[in-house]
Structure formats: structure tokens, C-alpha cells
Amino acid sequence: MPQRNRLSEQLTLVLAAVASVAYLGGGIALIASSQSFVIFPPPGPLRYGMAALLIWYGGSRAFRAYYMYKDRDRD
């Protein structure tokens, strides 16, 4: 049974890291993208606020994933 538990821990860690990179990348892409993308809001406070929120959330998820990785090594 411990092997199955390790697999789920490892999968959770990988998904947490991928999600944090996705949020960080989404925020950076929102700032760096041109105005040609119609689905994004026009440049202004809303767009940059959404980008800052995505970057902040991605950073906090990366921080949690790092500490999950660090705690996993202690066991």
C-alpha cells in the first residue's frame, strides 16, 4: 500500500507544479500579448490587474508546491 500512496503524492506534486507554471505563464502572456487577441480585455487597469492576480496566484501555488516537495523528502 505505501507504493500507491507515494504515487498519488508524486502526481499531486507534479500537478501542483504544472498548475503554478500555467498560472504564471498566463499572467505573463496577458501582459506581453498584443491587442490582436480579441478574447483578452483591452489594455488598461483591468487587464494588468488580472495579469498581476494570475502571477500572484501562480507564485503562491509554486511556493506551496515547493514546500510539498520539501516535506516529501523528509519522509
C-alpha atoms as a PDB file:
ATOM      1  CA  MET A   1       0.000   0.000   0.000  1.00  0.00           C
ATOM      2  CA  PRO A   2       2.764   2.557   0.639  1.00  0.00           C
ATOM      3  CA  GLN A   3       3.756   2.434  -3.056  1.00  0.00           C
ATOM      4  CA  ARG A   4       0.291   3.581  -4.132  1.00  0.00           C
ATOM      5  CA  ASN A   5       0.389   6.411  -1.612  1.00  0.00           C
ATOM      6  CA  ARG A   6       3.764   7.548  -2.964  1.00  0.00           C
ATOM      7  CA  LEU A   7       2.388   7.574  -6.499  1.00  0.00           C
ATOM      8  CA  SER A   8      -0.532   9.794  -5.540  1.00  0.00           C
ATOM      9  CA  GLU A   9       1.800  12.146  -3.651  1.00  0.00           C
ATOM     10  CA  GLN A  10       4.087  12.382  -6.656  1.00  0.00           C
ATOM     11  CA  LEU A  11       1.172  13.014  -9.033  1.00  0.00           C
ATOM     12  CA  THR A  12      -0.207  15.726  -6.750  1.00  0.00           C
ATOM     13  CA  LEU A  13       3.197  17.382  -6.614  1.00  0.00           C
ATOM     14  CA  VAL A  14       3.604  17.319 -10.401  1.00  0.00           C
ATOM     15  CA  LEU A  15       0.108  18.703 -10.971  1.00  0.00           C
ATOM     16  CA  ALA A  16       0.704  21.481  -8.424  1.00  0.00           C
ATOM     17  CA  ALA A  17       3.934  22.459 -10.188  1.00  0.00           C
ATOM     18  CA  VAL A  18       2.316  22.375 -13.647  1.00  0.00           C
ATOM     19  CA  ALA A  19      -0.637  24.451 -12.439  1.00  0.00           C
ATOM     20  CA  SER A  20       1.665  27.075 -10.936  1.00  0.00           C
ATOM     21  CA  VAL A  21       3.624  27.345 -14.182  1.00  0.00           C
ATOM     22  CA  ALA A  22       0.361  27.632 -16.129  1.00  0.00           C
ATOM     23  CA  TYR A  23      -0.909  30.485 -13.933  1.00  0.00           C
ATOM     24  CA  LEU A  24       2.429  32.291 -14.071  1.00  0.00           C
ATOM     25  CA  GLY A  25       2.597  31.854 -17.836  1.00  0.00           C
ATOM     26  CA  GLY A  26      -0.979  33.034 -18.260  1.00  0.00           C
ATOM     27  CA  GLY A  27      -0.283  36.205 -16.338  1.00  0.00           C
ATOM     28  CA  ILE A  28       2.888  36.927 -18.259  1.00  0.00           C
ATOM     29  CA  ALA A  29       1.161  36.190 -21.560  1.00  0.00           C
ATOM     30  CA  LEU A  30      -1.663  38.548 -20.643  1.00  0.00           C
ATOM     31  CA  ILE A  31       0.819  41.358 -20.073  1.00  0.00           C
ATOM     32  CA  ALA A  32       3.005  40.574 -23.085  1.00  0.00           C
ATOM     33  CA  SER A  33       0.325  39.735 -25.659  1.00  0.00           C
ATOM     34  CA  SER A  34      -0.623  42.173 -28.344  1.00  0.00           C
ATOM     35  CA  GLN A  35      -4.022  43.747 -28.806  1.00  0.00           C
ATOM     36  CA  SER A  36      -4.809  41.411 -31.685  1.00  0.00           C
ATOM     37  CA  PHE A  37      -6.260  38.781 -29.349  1.00  0.00           C
ATOM     38  CA  VAL A  38      -9.949  39.606 -29.078  1.00  0.00           C
ATOM     39  CA  ILE A  39     -10.607  37.305 -26.112  1.00  0.00           C
ATOM     40  CA  PHE A  40      -8.404  39.340 -23.753  1.00  0.00           C
ATOM     41  CA  PRO A  41      -9.645  42.624 -22.311  1.00  0.00           C
ATOM     42  CA  PRO A  42      -8.204  45.794 -23.845  1.00  0.00           C
ATOM     43  CA  PRO A  43      -5.022  47.208 -22.294  1.00  0.00           C
ATOM     44  CA  GLY A  44      -5.729  49.092 -19.119  1.00  0.00           C
ATOM     45  CA  PRO A  45      -6.140  48.613 -15.411  1.00  0.00           C
ATOM     46  CA  LEU A  46      -8.425  45.573 -15.722  1.00  0.00           C
ATOM     47  CA  ARG A  47      -6.014  43.693 -17.960  1.00  0.00           C
ATOM     48  CA  TYR A  48      -2.950  44.442 -15.841  1.00  0.00           C
ATOM     49  CA  GLY A  49      -4.872  43.753 -12.640  1.00  0.00           C
ATOM     50  CA  MET A  50      -5.937  40.352 -13.952  1.00  0.00           C
ATOM     51  CA  ALA A  51      -2.353  39.637 -15.033  1.00  0.00           C
ATOM     52  CA  ALA A  52      -0.987  40.636 -11.622  1.00  0.00           C
ATOM     53  CA  LEU A  53      -3.575  38.439  -9.923  1.00  0.00           C
ATOM     54  CA  LEU A  54      -2.630  35.453 -12.103  1.00  0.00           C
ATOM     55  CA  ILE A  55       1.071  35.971 -11.437  1.00  0.00           C
ATOM     56  CA  TRP A  56       0.481  36.315  -7.698  1.00  0.00           C
ATOM     57  CA  TYR A  57      -1.684  33.179  -7.590  1.00  0.00           C
ATOM     58  CA  GLY A  58       0.831  31.213  -9.678  1.00  0.00           C
ATOM     59  CA  GLY A  59       3.615  32.293  -7.359  1.00  0.00           C
ATOM     60  CA  SER A  60       1.680  31.243  -4.285  1.00  0.00           C
ATOM     61  CA  ARG A  61       0.940  27.846  -5.849  1.00  0.00           C
ATOM     62  CA  ALA A  62       4.632  27.458  -6.730  1.00  0.00           C
ATOM     63  CA  PHE A  63       5.535  28.301  -3.136  1.00  0.00           C
ATOM     64  CA  ARG A  64       3.134  25.634  -1.847  1.00  0.00           C
ATOM     65  CA  ALA A  65       4.413  23.078  -4.372  1.00  0.00           C
ATOM     66  CA  TYR A  66       7.990  23.767  -3.278  1.00  0.00           C
ATOM     67  CA  TYR A  67       7.108  23.141   0.346  1.00  0.00           C
ATOM     68  CA  MET A  68       5.185  19.987  -0.590  1.00  0.00           C
ATOM     69  CA  TYR A  69       8.345  18.787  -2.354  1.00  0.00           C
ATOM     70  CA  LYS A  70      10.495  19.745   0.598  1.00  0.00           C
ATOM     71  CA  ASP A  71       8.190  17.952   3.085  1.00  0.00           C
ATOM     72  CA  ARG A  72       8.088  14.862   0.859  1.00  0.00           C
ATOM     73  CA  ASP A  73      11.864  14.465   1.076  1.00  0.00           C
ATOM     74  CA  ARG A  74      11.769  14.410   4.878  1.00  0.00           C
ATOM     75  CA  ASP A  75       9.685  11.224   4.973  1.00  0.00           C
END
